[in-house]
Amino acid sequence: MVVERDVRLDDGRVLRVHDSGGYPAASFTVLWHHGSPQTGALLEPLLSAAAERQIRLVSYGRPSYGGSTPRPGRDVASAATDVAWIVDALGIERFAVMGASGGGPHALACAALLPDRVTGVACLASIAPLTDDFDWFAGMASDGALRAAMAGREARARYAATDVFDPAIFTAGDWAALSGTWSSLGADAVRAGDAGPDGLIDDDVAFVSPWGFELSRISAPVLLVQGGQDRVVPPAHAQWLQRHCPRAESWSRPDDGHVSVLEACPAAMDWLYANRRQD
């Protein structure tokens, strides 16, 4: 049974945390970083995969998501500080991190900034830092929100006031996943959107601003899972991340889009366990 609790930080903020709990033989914890927008609630496919493997699964809503206190101006690196508070509150010393889409950068931040605690990283369809090394926007079916974010939070908020969801960002395989295995993801995204755009605005501004850490600092093994048909975060982002993360392995799934690639989550959990850093 998932336990939901609020963790209070020293700055007075609250983070809404979701914890699947431990198992009698469990010695492995995975902390999930949700996509943008999501509430941070643990989704059924993740819970099922973790339960089958006797993995303790923890997640939380980033600021402004799912009951967590807003933190305008946050950068990607700030996730590591928040996660340190969470795992301390739960009595967890070492753990792996997973992140999908907008959760990917935040998972990487934890690996870079909490090197003594993070045993491995798995990122699915993760965005890369804004760079001139490649055409960062090429292949995105809808890039208006991120382009607006480059002008700052106020510009991104103005864009949100008139933004309309474009169903063309998802492939037929994505829509099949959303109507099947990953229907809980779609429902959760609606709940997050109904609560307002602040979390997504702050995520987008953080993505196109300096992340606050260097990928070269990551000493844990990194798995990058990428769909070849992804219209939200194109494959070039994963290719760039692989070149810049010291211990990166890449899984290409040529027929997958942005959502259907999540079918690889159970295999990614297996990879995290098999490749966990134990020093």
Protein backbone atom coordinates (compact mmCIF):
# COMPACT_ATOMS: atom_id res chain seq x y z
CA MET A 1 0.00 0.00 0.00
CA VAL A 2 1.35 3.41 -0.96
CA VAL A 3 1.82 5.79 1.96
CA GLU A 4 1.52 9.51 1.26
CA ARG A 5 3.16 12.00 3.58
CA ASP A 6 4.41 15.57 3.64
CA VAL A 7 8.10 16.20 4.34
CA ARG A 8 8.85 19.65 5.73
CA LEU A 9 12.17 21.24 4.77
CA ASP A 10 14.22 23.68 6.80
CA ASP A 11 13.06 26.58 4.62
CA GLY A 12 9.43 25.88 5.57
CA ARG A 13 8.46 24.28 2.26
CA VAL A 14 6.57 21.00 2.10
CA LEU A 15 7.12 18.19 -0.39
CA ARG A 16 4.37 15.64 -0.98
CA VAL A 17 6.00 12.18 -0.93
CA HIS A 18 4.67 8.80 -2.03
CA ASP A 19 6.25 5.62 -0.66
CA SER A 20 5.42 2.04 -1.61
CA GLY A 21 7.09 0.86 1.57
CA GLY A 22 9.68 -1.82 2.14
CA TYR A 23 9.50 -5.57 1.62
CA PRO A 24 10.83 -8.17 4.06
CA ALA A 25 13.73 -8.99 1.76
CA ALA A 26 14.01 -5.58 0.12
CA SER A 27 17.42 -4.00 0.07
CA PHE A 28 16.94 -1.78 -2.99
CA THR A 29 15.14 1.54 -3.30
CA VAL A 30 14.34 3.47 -6.47
CA LEU A 31 13.32 7.13 -6.32
CA TRP A 32 11.15 8.12 -9.28
CA HIS A 33 11.26 11.62 -10.81
CA HIS A 34 8.02 12.38 -12.62
CA GLY A 35 7.55 14.01 -16.01
CA SER A 36 6.09 17.41 -16.81
CA PRO A 37 3.28 17.83 -15.87
CA GLN A 38 2.52 15.11 -13.31
CA THR A 39 1.49 15.15 -9.65
CA GLY A 40 4.29 12.91 -8.41
CA ALA A 41 1.89 10.11 -7.49
CA LEU A 42 3.20 6.60 -8.09
CA LEU A 43 1.64 5.18 -11.26
CA GLU A 44 0.29 1.66 -11.44
CA PRO A 45 2.76 0.26 -14.02
CA LEU A 46 5.69 1.44 -11.88
CA LEU A 47 4.17 0.03 -8.71
CA SER A 48 3.52 -3.34 -10.33
CA ALA A 49 7.05 -3.59 -11.72
CA ALA A 50 8.56 -2.61 -8.37
CA ALA A 51 6.39 -5.04 -6.41
CA GLU A 52 7.36 -7.93 -8.69
CA ARG A 53 11.02 -7.15 -7.93
CA GLN A 54 10.52 -6.36 -4.22
CA ILE A 55 11.82 -2.86 -4.83
CA ARG A 56 10.86 0.00 -2.55
CA LEU A 57 9.58 2.78 -4.82
CA VAL A 58 9.47 6.41 -3.69
CA SER A 59 8.39 9.54 -5.56
CA TYR A 60 7.49 13.12 -4.79
CA GLY A 61 5.86 16.12 -6.41
CA ARG A 62 8.38 18.75 -7.45
CA PRO A 63 7.56 22.25 -6.19
CA SER A 64 4.08 23.38 -7.37
CA TYR A 65 3.11 19.81 -8.28
CA GLY A 66 0.76 17.52 -6.39
CA GLY A 67 0.59 19.41 -3.10
CA SER A 68 4.25 20.46 -2.87
CA THR A 69 5.03 24.08 -2.01
CA PRO A 70 5.90 26.34 -4.98
CA ARG A 71 9.48 27.43 -5.46
CA PRO A 72 9.63 29.90 -8.38
CA GLY A 73 13.10 30.31 -9.81
CA ARG A 74 14.24 26.81 -8.90
CA ASP A 75 16.94 25.24 -11.04
CA VAL A 76 17.36 21.58 -11.92
CA ALA A 77 20.08 21.15 -9.30
CA SER A 78 17.66 22.07 -6.50
CA ALA A 79 16.07 18.63 -6.86
CA ALA A 80 19.11 17.08 -5.18
CA THR A 81 18.61 19.17 -2.03
CA ASP A 82 14.92 18.28 -1.92
CA VAL A 83 15.61 14.59 -2.43
CA ALA A 84 18.23 14.58 0.33
CA TRP A 85 15.58 15.84 2.74
CA ILE A 86 13.14 13.17 1.57
CA VAL A 87 15.44 10.19 1.89
CA ASP A 88 16.69 11.41 5.28
CA ALA A 89 13.08 11.64 6.47
CA LEU A 90 12.39 8.11 5.24
CA GLY A 91 15.59 6.66 6.67
CA ILE A 92 17.01 5.71 3.27
CA GLU A 93 20.79 5.87 2.93
CA ARG A 94 21.46 4.70 -0.65
CA PHE A 95 19.11 4.51 -3.60
CA ALA A 96 18.84 4.53 -7.38
CA VAL A 97 17.00 7.21 -9.35
CA MET A 98 14.75 6.98 -12.40
CA GLY A 99 13.23 9.84 -14.36
CA ALA A 100 11.06 10.13 -17.44
CA SER A 101 10.95 13.12 -19.76
CA GLY A 102 11.15 16.20 -17.50
CA GLY A 103 12.11 13.94 -14.61
CA GLY A 104 15.30 12.88 -16.35
CA PRO A 105 17.33 16.05 -15.68
CA HIS A 106 16.30 15.97 -12.02
CA ALA A 107 17.41 12.35 -11.69
CA LEU A 108 20.76 13.30 -13.21
CA ALA A 109 21.06 16.18 -10.73
CA CYS A 110 20.74 13.75 -7.82
CA ALA A 111 23.46 11.53 -9.27
CA ALA A 112 25.82 14.47 -9.76
CA LEU A 113 25.21 16.15 -6.42
CA LEU A 114 24.56 13.17 -4.12
CA PRO A 115 27.36 10.88 -5.36
CA ASP A 116 27.73 8.97 -2.10
CA ARG A 117 24.08 8.01 -2.05
CA VAL A 118 22.94 7.41 -5.64
CA THR A 119 23.82 3.93 -6.92
CA GLY A 120 22.62 4.38 -10.50
CA VAL A 121 20.45 6.44 -12.85
CA ALA A 122 17.90 5.48 -15.50
CA CYS A 123 16.46 8.20 -17.73
CA LEU A 124 13.72 7.60 -20.26
CA ALA A 125 13.15 10.23 -22.98
CA SER A 126 15.14 12.78 -20.99
CA ILE A 127 15.71 16.28 -22.27
CA ALA A 128 19.32 17.50 -22.50
CA PRO A 129 20.67 20.86 -21.31
CA LEU A 130 20.17 23.73 -23.73
CA THR A 131 23.26 23.78 -25.93
CA ASP A 132 24.56 24.92 -29.29
CA ASP A 133 26.24 21.55 -29.85
CA PHE A 134 23.23 20.36 -31.87
CA ASP A 135 19.88 21.71 -33.07
CA TRP A 136 18.19 21.42 -29.70
CA PHE A 137 14.66 22.09 -30.98
CA ALA A 138 14.86 19.99 -34.15
CA GLY A 139 12.27 17.23 -34.23
CA MET A 140 10.04 18.69 -31.50
CA ALA A 141 6.44 18.70 -32.71
CA SER A 142 5.65 21.59 -30.39
CA ASP A 143 8.48 23.81 -29.13
CA GLY A 144 6.65 27.04 -28.31
CA ALA A 145 6.62 26.55 -24.55
CA LEU A 146 10.37 25.97 -24.29
CA ARG A 147 11.13 28.86 -26.64
CA ALA A 148 8.95 31.13 -24.50
CA ALA A 149 10.76 29.90 -21.38
CA MET A 150 14.04 31.16 -22.82
CA ALA A 151 12.69 34.70 -22.31
CA GLY A 152 12.03 34.05 -18.62
CA ARG A 153 9.25 33.00 -16.29
CA GLU A 154 6.87 35.85 -17.12
CA ALA A 155 7.09 35.09 -20.84
CA ARG A 156 6.50 31.40 -20.19
CA ALA A 157 3.48 32.22 -18.01
CA ARG A 158 2.01 34.40 -20.77
CA TYR A 159 2.45 31.54 -23.21
CA ALA A 160 0.65 29.19 -20.79
CA ALA A 161 -2.39 31.47 -20.78
CA THR A 162 -3.13 30.68 -24.43
CA ASP A 163 -1.35 27.35 -24.95
CA VAL A 164 -3.46 24.52 -26.37
CA PHE A 165 -2.43 20.87 -26.24
CA ASP A 166 -1.40 19.49 -29.62
CA PRO A 167 -2.26 15.77 -29.93
CA ALA A 168 0.24 15.46 -32.79
CA ILE A 169 3.11 15.40 -30.29
CA PHE A 170 2.27 11.75 -29.62
CA THR A 171 2.60 8.82 -32.01
CA ALA A 172 -0.03 6.15 -32.55
CA GLY A 173 2.02 3.94 -30.22
CA ASP A 174 1.94 6.66 -27.56
CA TRP A 175 -1.84 6.90 -27.76
CA ALA A 176 -2.12 3.12 -27.54
CA ALA A 177 0.00 3.17 -24.37
CA LEU A 178 -2.12 5.97 -22.90
CA SER A 179 -5.31 4.01 -23.54
CA GLY A 180 -3.79 0.81 -22.16
CA THR A 181 -0.90 0.14 -19.78
CA TRP A 182 -0.16 3.80 -19.13
CA SER A 183 -3.70 5.16 -18.81
CA SER A 184 -2.85 6.21 -15.26
CA LEU A 185 -0.20 8.57 -16.64
CA GLY A 186 -2.73 10.42 -18.78
CA ALA A 187 -5.18 10.73 -15.90
CA ASP A 188 -2.43 12.00 -13.61
CA ALA A 189 -1.31 14.58 -16.18
CA VAL A 190 -4.89 15.89 -16.32
CA ARG A 191 -4.96 16.21 -12.52
CA ALA A 192 -1.65 18.08 -12.58
CA GLY A 193 -2.90 20.41 -15.32
CA ASP A 194 -6.16 21.09 -13.48
CA ALA A 195 -4.15 22.32 -10.49
CA GLY A 196 -2.57 25.07 -12.59
CA PRO A 197 0.47 25.61 -14.81
CA ASP A 198 3.04 26.77 -12.24
CA GLY A 199 4.93 23.50 -11.94
CA LEU A 200 5.23 23.09 -15.69
CA ILE A 201 6.26 26.74 -16.13
CA ASP A 202 9.03 26.37 -13.54
CA ASP A 203 10.18 23.10 -15.09
CA ASP A 204 10.46 24.63 -18.55
CA VAL A 205 12.36 27.68 -17.33
CA ALA A 206 14.74 25.39 -15.42
CA PHE A 207 15.34 23.21 -18.49
CA VAL A 208 16.45 26.11 -20.70
CA SER A 209 18.49 27.80 -17.93
CA PRO A 210 21.84 26.59 -16.53
CA TRP A 211 21.11 23.36 -14.69
CA GLY A 212 23.43 24.13 -11.78
CA PHE A 213 25.71 21.09 -12.07
CA GLU A 214 28.05 19.39 -14.52
CA LEU A 215 27.16 16.01 -15.98
CA SER A 216 30.85 15.13 -15.77
CA ARG A 217 30.44 14.88 -11.99
CA ILE A 218 28.22 11.80 -12.28
CA SER A 219 30.16 8.75 -11.11
CA ALA A 220 27.24 6.32 -10.97
CA PRO A 221 26.26 4.23 -14.03
CA VAL A 222 23.66 5.92 -16.26
CA LEU A 223 21.10 4.27 -18.53
CA LEU A 224 19.49 6.37 -21.27
CA VAL A 225 16.38 4.89 -22.90
CA GLN A 226 15.15 6.69 -26.02
CA GLY A 227 12.35 6.20 -28.50
CA GLY A 228 13.33 6.72 -32.12
CA GLN A 229 9.94 8.27 -32.96
CA ASP A 230 9.81 10.66 -30.00
CA ARG A 231 8.25 13.98 -31.05
CA VAL A 232 8.56 15.62 -27.63
CA VAL A 233 12.22 14.94 -26.78
CA PRO A 234 13.94 13.84 -30.02
CA PRO A 235 16.73 11.20 -30.06
CA ALA A 236 19.49 13.81 -30.45
CA HIS A 237 19.00 14.70 -26.77
CA ALA A 238 19.82 11.17 -25.63
CA GLN A 239 22.78 11.04 -27.99
CA TRP A 240 24.19 14.25 -26.49
CA LEU A 241 23.63 12.99 -22.94
CA GLN A 242 25.43 9.75 -23.73
CA ARG A 243 28.47 11.68 -24.91
CA HIS A 244 28.58 13.78 -21.75
CA CYS A 245 27.71 11.33 -18.95
CA PRO A 246 30.91 9.44 -18.05
CA ARG A 247 29.38 5.98 -17.48
CA ALA A 248 26.42 6.07 -19.85
CA GLU A 249 24.76 3.18 -21.65
CA SER A 250 22.05 3.81 -24.23
CA TRP A 251 19.05 1.72 -25.22
CA SER A 252 17.49 2.78 -28.51
CA ARG A 253 13.89 1.73 -29.12
CA PRO A 254 13.38 2.72 -32.77
CA ASP A 255 9.61 2.26 -32.89
CA ASP A 256 8.77 4.03 -29.63
CA GLY A 257 7.52 7.55 -29.03
CA HIS A 258 7.55 9.65 -25.89
CA VAL A 259 5.06 7.56 -23.89
CA SER A 260 5.41 4.08 -25.36
CA VAL A 261 9.10 4.11 -24.41
CA LEU A 262 7.93 3.79 -20.79
CA GLU A 263 7.23 0.12 -21.48
CA ALA A 264 10.97 -0.26 -20.85
CA CYS A 265 10.59 0.76 -17.16
CA PRO A 266 10.60 -2.80 -15.76
CA ALA A 267 13.76 -3.66 -17.72
CA ALA A 268 15.32 -0.38 -16.56
CA MET A 269 14.65 -1.36 -12.94
CA ASP A 270 16.42 -4.65 -13.58
CA TRP A 271 19.34 -2.74 -15.08
CA LEU A 272 19.57 -0.44 -12.06
CA TYR A 273 19.74 -3.41 -9.72
CA ALA A 274 22.28 -5.31 -11.82
CA ASN A 275 24.50 -2.26 -12.38
CA ARG A 276 24.17 -0.62 -8.95
CA ARG A 277 27.34 0.97 -7.65
CA GLN A 278 28.19 -0.69 -4.34
CA ASP A 279 31.32 1.22 -3.27
